[in-house]
């Protein structure tokens, strides 16, 4: 069971970056924080989330970004909106064709381009499930050969379950 609390997203981002920095460096990739997009620049971005489980979701996104990126790097950005706050992870990896955007969130899905890579196809399924259980969602934007951006959207207000 998840227990979301109102807290700043910065700690989650910093912990995620630190946890995956060594793995990225081993492939010659850098993980960088590009800043915060908010009306009051520099102000903390707060949202409701369970830090343990949200770290699992972010970790799955970062792990995939590293796994499927051979050159370039990974950038993390915080964005603040009226109802949601977002942690965006952008890579310069292989990208995902639009025809697979929905399928990649399916349990055990492995696309043809990644069939030979390690993994079982559960990471994005878990990330989406974790985000949904705390009132958020995951958004994907990607172009084959150019990379992907996964946005983890966290509610900025308490979400009641009907």
Protein backbone atom coordinates (compact mmCIF):
# COMPACT_ATOMS: atom_id res chain seq x y z
CA UNK A 1 0.00 0.00 0.00
CA UNK A 2 1.26 3.43 -0.91
CA UNK A 3 1.24 6.33 1.55
CA UNK A 4 1.57 9.63 -0.36
CA UNK A 5 2.62 12.70 1.62
CA UNK A 6 3.15 16.30 0.51
CA UNK A 7 6.87 16.80 0.06
CA UNK A 8 9.35 18.44 -2.31
CA UNK A 9 10.22 16.48 -5.44
CA UNK A 10 13.83 17.67 -5.36
CA UNK A 11 14.85 14.96 -2.88
CA UNK A 12 13.42 12.26 -5.13
CA UNK A 13 15.29 13.65 -8.15
CA UNK A 14 18.61 13.97 -6.28
CA UNK A 15 18.32 10.44 -4.86
CA UNK A 16 17.48 9.06 -8.30
CA UNK A 17 20.41 10.82 -9.93
CA UNK A 18 22.83 9.62 -7.27
CA UNK A 19 21.55 6.03 -7.41
CA UNK A 20 22.08 5.78 -11.18
CA UNK A 21 25.07 8.08 -11.74
CA UNK A 22 27.63 5.25 -11.52
CA UNK A 23 25.69 2.98 -13.89
CA UNK A 24 25.42 5.82 -16.41
CA UNK A 25 29.11 6.70 -16.07
CA UNK A 26 30.05 3.08 -16.78
CA UNK A 27 28.47 3.56 -20.24
CA UNK A 28 30.07 6.98 -20.72
CA UNK A 29 26.75 8.77 -20.10
CA UNK A 30 26.07 11.73 -17.84
CA UNK A 31 22.91 12.36 -15.84
CA UNK A 32 22.19 16.07 -15.46
CA UNK A 33 19.52 18.15 -13.75
CA UNK A 34 18.35 20.85 -16.15
CA UNK A 35 16.36 22.87 -13.64
CA UNK A 36 12.83 23.70 -12.69
CA UNK A 37 10.08 25.16 -14.83
CA UNK A 38 7.93 27.11 -12.38
CA UNK A 39 6.47 30.56 -12.11
CA UNK A 40 8.74 31.40 -9.18
CA UNK A 41 12.10 30.07 -10.41
CA UNK A 42 14.07 28.35 -7.67
CA UNK A 43 11.02 27.72 -5.47
CA UNK A 44 10.61 24.11 -4.35
CA UNK A 45 8.17 21.95 -6.31
CA UNK A 46 5.83 20.08 -3.96
CA UNK A 47 3.60 17.11 -4.71
CA UNK A 48 1.89 14.20 -2.99
CA UNK A 49 3.83 10.96 -3.35
CA UNK A 50 5.14 7.92 -1.51
CA UNK A 51 8.92 8.40 -1.66
CA UNK A 52 9.85 4.70 -1.52
CA UNK A 53 7.51 3.64 -4.32
CA UNK A 54 8.05 6.78 -6.38
CA UNK A 55 11.79 6.09 -6.23
CA UNK A 56 11.02 2.64 -7.66
CA UNK A 57 9.07 4.23 -10.53
CA UNK A 58 11.78 6.83 -11.23
CA UNK A 59 14.45 4.13 -10.95
CA UNK A 60 12.73 2.04 -13.63
CA UNK A 61 12.61 5.05 -15.96
CA UNK A 62 16.27 5.93 -15.31
CA UNK A 63 17.38 2.31 -15.69
CA UNK A 64 15.69 2.11 -19.10
CA UNK A 65 17.14 5.45 -20.16
CA UNK A 66 20.64 4.18 -19.41
CA UNK A 67 20.02 0.73 -20.91
CA UNK A 68 18.73 2.09 -24.23
CA UNK A 69 21.12 5.04 -24.63
CA UNK A 70 24.58 4.49 -26.10
CA UNK A 71 25.74 8.08 -26.65
CA UNK A 72 24.72 11.44 -25.30
CA UNK A 73 23.10 11.50 -21.89
CA UNK A 74 20.09 11.75 -19.66
CA UNK A 75 18.51 14.98 -18.44
CA UNK A 76 16.04 15.37 -15.58
CA UNK A 77 13.78 18.40 -15.26
CA UNK A 78 11.12 19.38 -12.73
CA UNK A 79 7.97 21.07 -14.02
CA UNK A 80 5.16 22.55 -11.97
CA UNK A 81 1.59 22.90 -13.18
CA UNK A 82 -1.67 23.77 -11.47
CA UNK A 83 -2.79 20.20 -10.68
CA UNK A 84 0.39 18.20 -11.18
CA UNK A 85 4.14 18.39 -10.75
CA UNK A 86 6.28 16.45 -13.20
CA UNK A 87 9.68 14.79 -13.15
CA UNK A 88 10.75 14.56 -16.81
CA UNK A 89 13.50 12.14 -17.80
CA UNK A 90 14.86 12.73 -21.32
CA UNK A 91 17.42 10.49 -22.98
CA UNK A 92 19.23 10.48 -26.31
CA UNK A 93 18.64 6.76 -26.83
CA UNK A 94 17.07 4.55 -29.47
CA UNK A 95 13.58 5.99 -29.08
CA UNK A 96 10.21 4.27 -29.36
CA UNK A 97 7.96 4.31 -32.41
CA UNK A 98 4.51 5.82 -31.93
CA UNK A 99 2.88 2.47 -32.72
CA UNK A 100 4.48 1.06 -29.54
CA UNK A 101 3.73 3.95 -27.15
CA UNK A 102 0.77 2.23 -25.48
CA UNK A 103 2.27 -1.26 -25.64
CA UNK A 104 5.47 -0.41 -23.73
CA UNK A 105 3.40 0.00 -20.56
CA UNK A 106 2.02 -3.53 -20.85
CA UNK A 107 3.24 -6.21 -18.48
CA UNK A 108 6.13 -8.24 -19.99
CA UNK A 109 6.10 -6.27 -23.26
CA UNK A 110 9.40 -6.35 -25.15
CA UNK A 111 9.66 -4.52 -28.47
CA UNK A 112 11.55 -5.98 -31.41
CA UNK A 113 14.30 -3.35 -31.13
CA UNK A 114 15.08 -4.37 -27.52
CA UNK A 115 14.34 -8.09 -27.54
CA UNK A 116 18.04 -8.95 -27.16
CA UNK A 117 18.65 -6.50 -24.28
CA UNK A 118 18.45 -7.60 -20.66
CA UNK A 119 15.13 -7.18 -18.87
CA UNK A 120 11.70 -8.79 -18.72
CA UNK A 121 9.42 -5.90 -19.69
CA UNK A 122 7.99 -5.11 -16.27
CA UNK A 123 9.62 -1.74 -15.40
CA UNK A 124 7.30 0.63 -17.27
CA UNK A 125 4.25 -1.40 -16.24
CA UNK A 126 5.28 -1.00 -12.58
CA UNK A 127 6.09 2.70 -13.00
CA UNK A 128 2.64 3.37 -14.45
CA UNK A 129 0.92 1.30 -11.76
CA UNK A 130 2.78 3.12 -8.97
CA UNK A 131 1.92 6.51 -10.41
CA UNK A 132 -1.76 5.60 -10.86
CA UNK A 133 -2.01 4.34 -7.27
CA UNK A 134 -1.03 7.78 -5.99
CA UNK A 135 -3.28 9.74 -8.34
CA UNK A 136 -0.67 10.45 -11.00
CA UNK A 137 0.25 9.19 -14.42
CA UNK A 138 3.15 8.61 -16.85
CA UNK A 139 3.44 10.34 -20.21
CA UNK A 140 5.72 9.30 -23.08
CA UNK A 141 7.07 11.36 -25.96
CA UNK A 142 9.57 9.67 -28.26
CA UNK A 143 11.05 9.56 -31.73
CA UNK A 144 12.99 6.54 -33.00
CA UNK A 145 16.68 7.35 -33.29
CA UNK A 146 16.36 10.57 -31.29
CA UNK A 147 15.44 9.48 -27.77
CA UNK A 148 12.54 9.51 -25.34
CA UNK A 149 11.03 11.67 -22.63
CA UNK A 150 9.08 10.03 -19.83
CA UNK A 151 7.15 12.36 -17.53
CA UNK A 152 6.11 11.16 -14.07
CA UNK A 153 3.15 13.35 -13.08
CA UNK A 154 2.48 13.67 -9.34
CA UNK A 155 -0.70 15.28 -7.93
CA UNK A 156 -0.20 18.60 -6.16
CA UNK A 157 -3.39 18.12 -4.14
CA UNK A 158 -4.87 15.15 -2.30
CA UNK A 159 -6.66 12.84 -4.69
CA UNK A 160 -9.66 11.02 -3.25
CA UNK A 161 -10.45 7.54 -4.51
CA UNK A 162 -14.04 6.98 -5.57
